[in-house]
Amino acid sequence: MKKLYIVIPCYNEEEILPKTITEMGKVIENLIAQNKIDPTSKMLLVDDGSRDRTWDIIASAQKTNPYVAGLKLSKNVGHQNALLAGLDTANTVCDVTVSIDADLQDDISVIETMIDRYLDGAEVVLGVRNERKTDSFFKRFTAQSFYKIMNVLGAKTVYNHADFRLMGKRAMNALSEYHERNVFLRGIITQIGYKTETVYYARREREAGESKYPLKKMVAFAWNGITSFSTKPITLILGIGIFTMLLSCLAFIYMLVSYFFGSVVSGWSSILLSVWFLGGLQMFAIGLIGQYIGKTYIESKQRPHYHVERFLSEDAPAEK
């Protein structure tokens, strides 16, 4: 039987975490009872530098619940890096992982279906939402726009798939070979290959706590995904520049014709408008290219994604 680790990144989740631990424990216990996973399988709760009692709850549960393991990061590194920390750690002690958020909005009953698909030969199983009825109109619109823009710009993503997925050992080993600092896991996973299947589920409303992705973070996350996986924005700027040059040539021809026919109208408003337009276009282009140069600068440093402060589990190596 394969040993499963359910990786759950947590940031200020003290309100929902006790219920999450209870519900995930039931899932693991049920899978063990059906002989689908190894009896030593666990959930790995990753504390991403929380400022509340999240780690205290994890540490306490680890002492009394045989299905709980805890990973404490030295500081807040963001959801993607925290998830990566959990996957890296789990990869050293298990055969298969399932990653899921702590808020219980993803349907945890689907985990059994994922395991079944894995046992049938799938190396990656993606959890995909079949609808967005629980989201506001604004959230639905921005999410749909995000996926469409990502795909148009060449960053292949699976529509309505976030970070609820199963990965087998080969997929996890392949993931460990990606060393970029700007982590966008849902884009990386589609590049790994191997046999991939999809399971659909209805996403629930958050039962407690607050969303960790307000508009500002959502925009930053989307921008990071686009610039990490596509150079099409730079190509788009090149196309706009060429188009602007052609328009300038046509405007020059029009000016000459107007001059020879004596119908030149003096005025600086059109000149001012064109100067502002071209100046803004240049600043936008320079800023966009600067984003890519900045990412190259960050990648060249090869700084670590995270630092682990504590790993609480029977599988953890003995502390020296």
Protein backbone atom coordinates (compact mmCIF):
# COMPACT_ATOMS: atom_id res chain seq x y z
CA MET A 1 0.00 0.00 0.00
CA LYS A 2 1.10 3.55 -0.74
CA LYS A 3 1.79 6.05 2.00
CA LEU A 4 -0.24 9.25 1.61
CA TYR A 5 0.49 12.74 2.94
CA ILE A 6 -2.24 15.36 2.63
CA VAL A 7 -0.39 18.69 2.48
CA ILE A 8 -2.36 21.62 3.92
CA PRO A 9 -0.80 25.12 3.98
CA CYS A 10 -2.15 27.19 6.87
CA TYR A 11 -1.96 30.92 7.53
CA ASN A 12 -3.97 32.33 10.46
CA GLU A 13 -6.46 29.45 10.34
CA GLU A 14 -7.14 29.00 14.07
CA GLU A 15 -10.92 29.30 13.59
CA ILE A 16 -11.32 26.51 11.03
CA LEU A 17 -8.26 24.35 11.79
CA PRO A 18 -9.77 22.11 14.54
CA LYS A 19 -12.61 21.12 12.20
CA THR A 20 -10.19 20.66 9.31
CA ILE A 21 -8.10 18.26 11.39
CA THR A 22 -11.19 16.29 12.43
CA GLU A 23 -12.61 16.03 8.91
CA MET A 24 -9.27 15.15 7.29
CA GLY A 25 -8.69 12.53 9.98
CA LYS A 26 -11.97 10.86 8.99
CA VAL A 27 -10.89 10.80 5.33
CA ILE A 28 -7.54 9.20 6.14
CA GLU A 29 -9.14 6.70 8.53
CA ASN A 30 -11.68 5.67 5.89
CA LEU A 31 -8.99 5.17 3.23
CA ILE A 32 -6.93 3.07 5.64
CA ALA A 33 -9.98 0.95 6.52
CA GLN A 34 -10.46 0.22 2.81
CA ASN A 35 -6.77 -0.75 2.45
CA LYS A 36 -6.24 1.99 -0.15
CA ILE A 37 -3.38 3.71 1.70
CA ASP A 38 -0.74 2.79 4.26
CA PRO A 39 -1.82 2.98 7.95
CA THR A 40 1.02 5.46 8.62
CA SER A 41 -0.46 8.03 6.22
CA LYS A 42 -0.92 11.55 7.58
CA MET A 43 -2.01 15.10 6.97
CA LEU A 44 0.89 17.58 6.94
CA LEU A 45 -0.20 20.98 8.27
CA VAL A 46 2.21 23.70 7.16
CA ASP A 47 2.22 26.82 9.32
CA ASP A 48 3.20 29.70 7.03
CA GLY A 49 4.31 32.13 9.73
CA SER A 50 0.85 32.56 11.25
CA ARG A 51 0.31 35.31 13.81
CA ASP A 52 -2.50 33.54 15.67
CA ARG A 53 -2.71 30.16 17.46
CA THR A 54 -2.41 28.08 14.29
CA TRP A 55 0.90 26.47 15.28
CA ASP A 56 -0.23 25.81 18.84
CA ILE A 57 -3.25 23.93 17.48
CA ILE A 58 -1.06 21.93 15.08
CA ALA A 59 1.51 21.05 17.75
CA SER A 60 -1.20 20.00 20.20
CA ALA A 61 -3.01 17.87 17.62
CA GLN A 62 0.22 16.16 16.59
CA LYS A 63 0.65 14.85 20.14
CA THR A 64 -2.81 13.26 20.32
CA ASN A 65 -3.82 12.54 16.71
CA PRO A 66 -1.83 9.81 14.90
CA TYR A 67 -2.80 11.26 11.53
CA VAL A 68 -1.33 14.73 12.13
CA ALA A 69 2.15 15.98 11.23
CA GLY A 70 3.23 19.61 11.51
CA LEU A 71 5.69 21.76 9.60
CA LYS A 72 6.51 25.23 10.93
CA LEU A 73 8.22 27.70 8.60
CA SER A 74 10.52 30.36 10.00
CA LYS A 75 8.38 33.18 8.58
CA ASN A 76 5.53 33.90 6.19
CA VAL A 77 6.64 33.05 2.66
CA GLY A 78 3.31 33.05 0.85
CA HIS A 79 0.85 30.31 -0.08
CA GLN A 80 2.75 28.89 -3.06
CA ASN A 81 6.08 28.63 -1.23
CA ALA A 82 4.39 27.18 1.86
CA LEU A 83 2.71 24.58 -0.30
CA LEU A 84 6.01 23.82 -1.99
CA ALA A 85 7.66 23.41 1.44
CA GLY A 86 5.01 20.89 2.40
CA LEU A 87 5.36 18.96 -0.86
CA ASP A 88 9.16 18.90 -0.63
CA THR A 89 9.02 17.62 2.93
CA ALA A 90 6.33 15.04 2.20
CA ASN A 91 8.26 13.78 -0.82
CA THR A 92 11.01 12.55 1.49
CA VAL A 93 8.68 10.36 3.57
CA CYS A 94 5.70 9.28 1.43
CA ASP A 95 4.66 7.82 -1.93
CA VAL A 96 1.81 10.12 -2.92
CA THR A 97 0.57 13.57 -1.88
CA VAL A 98 -2.71 15.43 -2.03
CA SER A 99 -2.53 19.21 -1.64
CA ILE A 100 -5.57 21.14 -0.44
CA ASP A 101 -6.35 24.42 1.36
CA ALA A 102 -7.28 24.47 5.04
CA ASP A 103 -10.62 26.26 4.64
CA LEU A 104 -12.63 23.10 3.71
CA GLN A 105 -14.08 24.80 0.65
CA ASP A 106 -12.72 22.03 -1.57
CA ASP A 107 -14.72 18.81 -1.34
CA ILE A 108 -12.54 16.47 0.72
CA SER A 109 -14.70 13.46 -0.22
CA VAL A 110 -13.14 13.71 -3.69
CA ILE A 111 -9.79 12.65 -2.21
CA GLU A 112 -10.94 9.01 -2.31
CA THR A 113 -11.74 9.36 -6.01
CA MET A 114 -8.28 10.84 -6.57
CA ILE A 115 -6.68 7.87 -4.82
CA ASP A 116 -8.73 5.49 -6.98
CA ARG A 117 -7.53 7.24 -10.14
CA TYR A 118 -3.96 7.07 -8.86
CA LEU A 119 -4.25 3.35 -8.11
CA ASP A 120 -5.59 2.91 -11.66
CA GLY A 121 -2.41 4.45 -13.08
CA ALA A 122 -2.79 8.24 -13.05
CA GLU A 123 0.31 10.09 -11.79
CA VAL A 124 -1.42 13.48 -11.44
CA VAL A 125 -5.09 14.00 -10.58
CA LEU A 126 -6.46 17.54 -10.72
CA GLY A 127 -9.43 18.71 -8.66
CA VAL A 128 -11.51 21.07 -10.79
CA ARG A 129 -14.52 23.09 -9.73
CA ASN A 130 -17.63 22.36 -11.80
CA GLU A 131 -19.27 25.69 -10.96
CA ARG A 132 -18.78 28.98 -9.07
CA LYS A 133 -22.19 29.53 -7.49
CA THR A 134 -20.66 30.31 -4.10
CA ASP A 135 -18.60 33.19 -5.55
CA SER A 136 -19.76 36.76 -5.99
CA PHE A 137 -20.24 38.09 -9.51
CA PHE A 138 -17.00 40.06 -9.22
CA LYS A 139 -15.04 36.99 -8.06
CA ARG A 140 -16.48 34.86 -10.90
CA PHE A 141 -15.71 37.53 -13.49
CA THR A 142 -12.13 38.10 -12.34
CA ALA A 143 -11.43 34.36 -12.03
CA GLN A 144 -12.75 33.61 -15.50
CA SER A 145 -10.80 36.54 -16.92
CA PHE A 146 -7.65 35.28 -15.18
CA TYR A 147 -7.81 31.83 -16.77
CA LYS A 148 -8.66 33.20 -20.22
CA ILE A 149 -5.85 35.77 -20.16
CA MET A 150 -3.36 33.17 -18.89
CA ASN A 151 -4.17 30.80 -21.73
CA VAL A 152 -4.17 33.53 -24.39
CA LEU A 153 -0.73 34.66 -23.22
CA GLY A 154 0.64 31.13 -23.44
CA ALA A 155 0.69 30.10 -19.77
CA LYS A 156 -1.27 26.85 -19.91
CA THR A 157 -3.56 26.38 -16.94
CA VAL A 158 -6.59 24.19 -16.28
CA TYR A 159 -9.78 26.23 -16.01
CA ASN A 160 -11.15 26.34 -12.44
CA HIS A 161 -8.25 24.31 -11.04
CA ALA A 162 -6.35 25.88 -8.14
CA ASP A 163 -4.08 23.80 -5.86
CA PHE A 164 -6.31 20.83 -5.04
CA ARG A 165 -4.46 17.93 -6.66
CA LEU A 166 -2.88 14.53 -6.19
CA MET A 167 0.72 13.86 -7.23
CA GLY A 168 2.50 10.53 -7.31
CA LYS A 169 6.18 9.97 -6.55
CA ARG A 170 7.38 10.50 -10.14
CA ALA A 171 5.44 13.76 -10.43
CA MET A 172 6.79 15.01 -7.09
CA ASN A 173 10.36 14.15 -8.13
CA ALA A 174 9.80 16.02 -11.39
CA LEU A 175 8.46 19.04 -9.47
CA SER A 176 11.62 19.10 -7.36
CA GLU A 177 13.62 19.73 -10.54
CA TYR A 178 11.96 23.13 -11.05
CA HIS A 179 14.08 25.69 -9.23
CA GLU A 180 12.55 29.05 -10.15
CA ARG A 181 12.05 31.55 -7.32
CA ASN A 182 8.75 32.88 -8.71
CA VAL A 183 6.61 29.85 -7.89
CA PHE A 184 3.35 29.34 -9.78
CA LEU A 185 2.52 25.68 -9.13
CA ARG A 186 -0.64 25.38 -11.20
CA GLY A 187 1.42 26.43 -14.23
CA ILE A 188 4.36 24.15 -13.42
CA ILE A 189 2.18 21.08 -12.91
CA THR A 190 0.82 21.27 -16.48
CA GLN A 191 4.39 21.13 -17.80
CA ILE A 192 5.38 17.99 -15.91
CA GLY A 193 3.45 15.62 -18.13
CA TYR A 194 2.79 12.00 -17.06
CA LYS A 195 -0.69 10.58 -17.07
CA THR A 196 -3.09 13.24 -15.77
CA GLU A 197 -6.76 12.89 -14.95
CA THR A 198 -9.41 15.27 -13.67
CA VAL A 199 -12.11 14.98 -11.03
CA TYR A 200 -14.88 17.54 -10.67
CA TYR A 201 -16.48 18.80 -7.47
CA ALA A 202 -18.67 21.58 -6.12
CA ARG A 203 -16.80 24.12 -4.03
CA ARG A 204 -18.35 25.07 -0.72
CA GLU A 205 -18.55 28.37 1.11
CA ARG A 206 -15.89 29.15 3.71
CA GLU A 207 -17.16 28.08 7.13
CA ALA A 208 -14.85 30.21 9.27
CA GLY A 209 -11.99 32.68 8.99
CA GLU A 210 -11.28 35.06 6.16
CA SER A 211 -10.07 34.61 2.60
CA LYS A 212 -6.29 34.88 2.29
CA TYR A 213 -6.59 36.16 -1.28
CA PRO A 214 -8.05 39.68 -1.35
CA LEU A 215 -8.13 41.57 -4.65
CA LYS A 216 -4.60 42.94 -4.27
CA LYS A 217 -3.10 39.48 -3.76
CA MET A 218 -5.20 38.00 -6.55
CA VAL A 219 -3.89 40.59 -9.02
CA ALA A 220 -0.29 40.05 -7.85
CA PHE A 221 -0.74 36.27 -8.13
CA ALA A 222 -2.15 36.55 -11.66
CA TRP A 223 0.65 38.88 -12.74
CA ASN A 224 3.28 36.54 -11.31
CA GLY A 225 1.75 33.64 -13.21
CA ILE A 226 1.68 35.53 -16.50
CA THR A 227 5.22 36.87 -16.30
CA SER A 228 6.61 33.56 -15.00
CA PHE A 229 5.29 31.46 -17.86
CA SER A 230 4.93 33.70 -20.89
CA THR A 231 6.94 36.24 -22.89
CA LYS A 232 3.92 37.16 -25.00
CA PRO A 233 3.42 40.51 -23.20
CA ILE A 234 6.83 41.59 -24.54
CA THR A 235 5.86 40.37 -28.01
CA LEU A 236 2.60 42.31 -27.67
CA ILE A 237 4.52 45.48 -26.83
CA LEU A 238 6.70 44.94 -29.91
CA GLY A 239 3.57 44.62 -32.02
CA ILE A 240 2.09 47.80 -30.55
CA GLY A 241 5.37 49.62 -31.21
CA ILE A 242 5.40 48.55 -34.86
CA PHE A 243 1.73 49.50 -35.23
CA THR A 244 2.43 52.91 -33.69
CA MET A 245 5.31 53.45 -36.10
CA LEU A 246 3.03 52.66 -39.04
CA LEU A 247 0.46 55.11 -37.75
CA SER A 248 3.21 57.73 -37.45
CA CYS A 249 4.19 57.14 -41.09
CA LEU A 250 0.58 57.55 -42.20
CA ALA A 251 0.31 60.73 -40.11
CA PHE A 252 3.48 62.06 -41.76
CA ILE A 253 2.07 61.39 -45.23
CA TYR A 254 -1.18 63.08 -44.25
CA MET A 255 0.77 66.09 -42.97
CA LEU A 256 2.65 66.44 -46.25
CA VAL A 257 -0.55 66.21 -48.29
CA SER A 258 -2.21 68.79 -46.04
CA TYR A 259 0.82 71.08 -46.35
CA PHE A 260 0.85 71.03 -50.15
CA PHE A 261 -2.89 71.65 -50.32
CA GLY A 262 -2.63 74.49 -47.83
CA SER A 263 -5.06 73.07 -45.29
CA VAL A 264 -2.71 72.85 -42.32
CA VAL A 265 -4.47 73.74 -39.07
CA SER A 266 -2.13 74.99 -36.39
CA GLY A 267 -2.75 73.73 -32.89
CA TRP A 268 -0.84 72.06 -30.20
CA SER A 269 -3.63 69.91 -28.66
CA SER A 270 -3.10 67.05 -31.11
CA ILE A 271 0.67 67.29 -30.58
CA LEU A 272 0.23 67.21 -26.83
CA LEU A 273 -2.08 64.21 -27.12
CA SER A 274 0.39 62.29 -29.27
CA VAL A 275 3.30 63.12 -26.96
CA TRP A 276 1.39 61.90 -23.93
CA PHE A 277 0.29 58.75 -25.75
CA LEU A 278 3.75 57.83 -26.96
CA GLY A 279 5.33 58.80 -23.64
CA GLY A 280 2.88 56.61 -21.77
CA LEU A 281 3.42 53.75 -24.21
CA GLN A 282 7.18 53.97 -23.75
CA MET A 283 6.91 54.05 -19.96
CA PHE A 284 4.56 51.06 -20.02
CA ALA A 285 6.90 49.13 -22.32
CA ILE A 286 9.95 49.93 -20.20
CA GLY A 287 8.09 48.97 -17.03
CA LEU A 288 6.93 45.68 -18.54
CA ILE A 289 10.40 44.75 -19.72
CA GLY A 290 11.70 45.82 -16.31
CA GLN A 291 9.40 43.26 -14.71
CA TYR A 292 11.09 40.49 -16.69
CA ILE A 293 14.55 41.86 -15.95
CA GLY A 294 13.64 42.04 -12.26
CA LYS A 295 12.53 38.40 -12.30
CA THR A 296 15.78 37.43 -13.98
CA TYR A 297 17.65 39.30 -11.24
CA ILE A 298 15.71 37.46 -8.52
CA GLU A 299 16.22 34.07 -10.21
CA SER A 300 19.97 34.69 -10.51
CA LYS A 301 20.28 35.02 -6.73
CA GLN A 302 19.04 31.44 -6.21
CA ARG A 303 17.77 32.26 -2.75
CA PRO A 304 15.84 29.52 -0.89
CA HIS A 305 12.05 29.48 -1.06
CA TYR A 306 11.65 28.87 2.66
CA HIS A 307 13.33 27.80 5.90
CA VAL A 308 11.84 25.06 8.07
CA GLU A 309 11.81 25.79 11.79
CA ARG A 310 10.26 22.53 13.01
CA PHE A 311 8.96 19.27 11.54
CA LEU A 312 6.72 17.35 13.94
CA SER A 313 6.15 13.78 12.80
CA GLU A 314 7.20 10.23 13.54
CA ASP A 315 8.73 10.37 10.06
CA ALA A 316 10.89 13.40 10.89
CA PRO A 317 14.64 12.76 11.18
CA ALA A 318 16.01 12.94 14.71
CA GLU A 319 17.15 16.43 15.69
CA LYS A 320 20.88 16.75 16.25
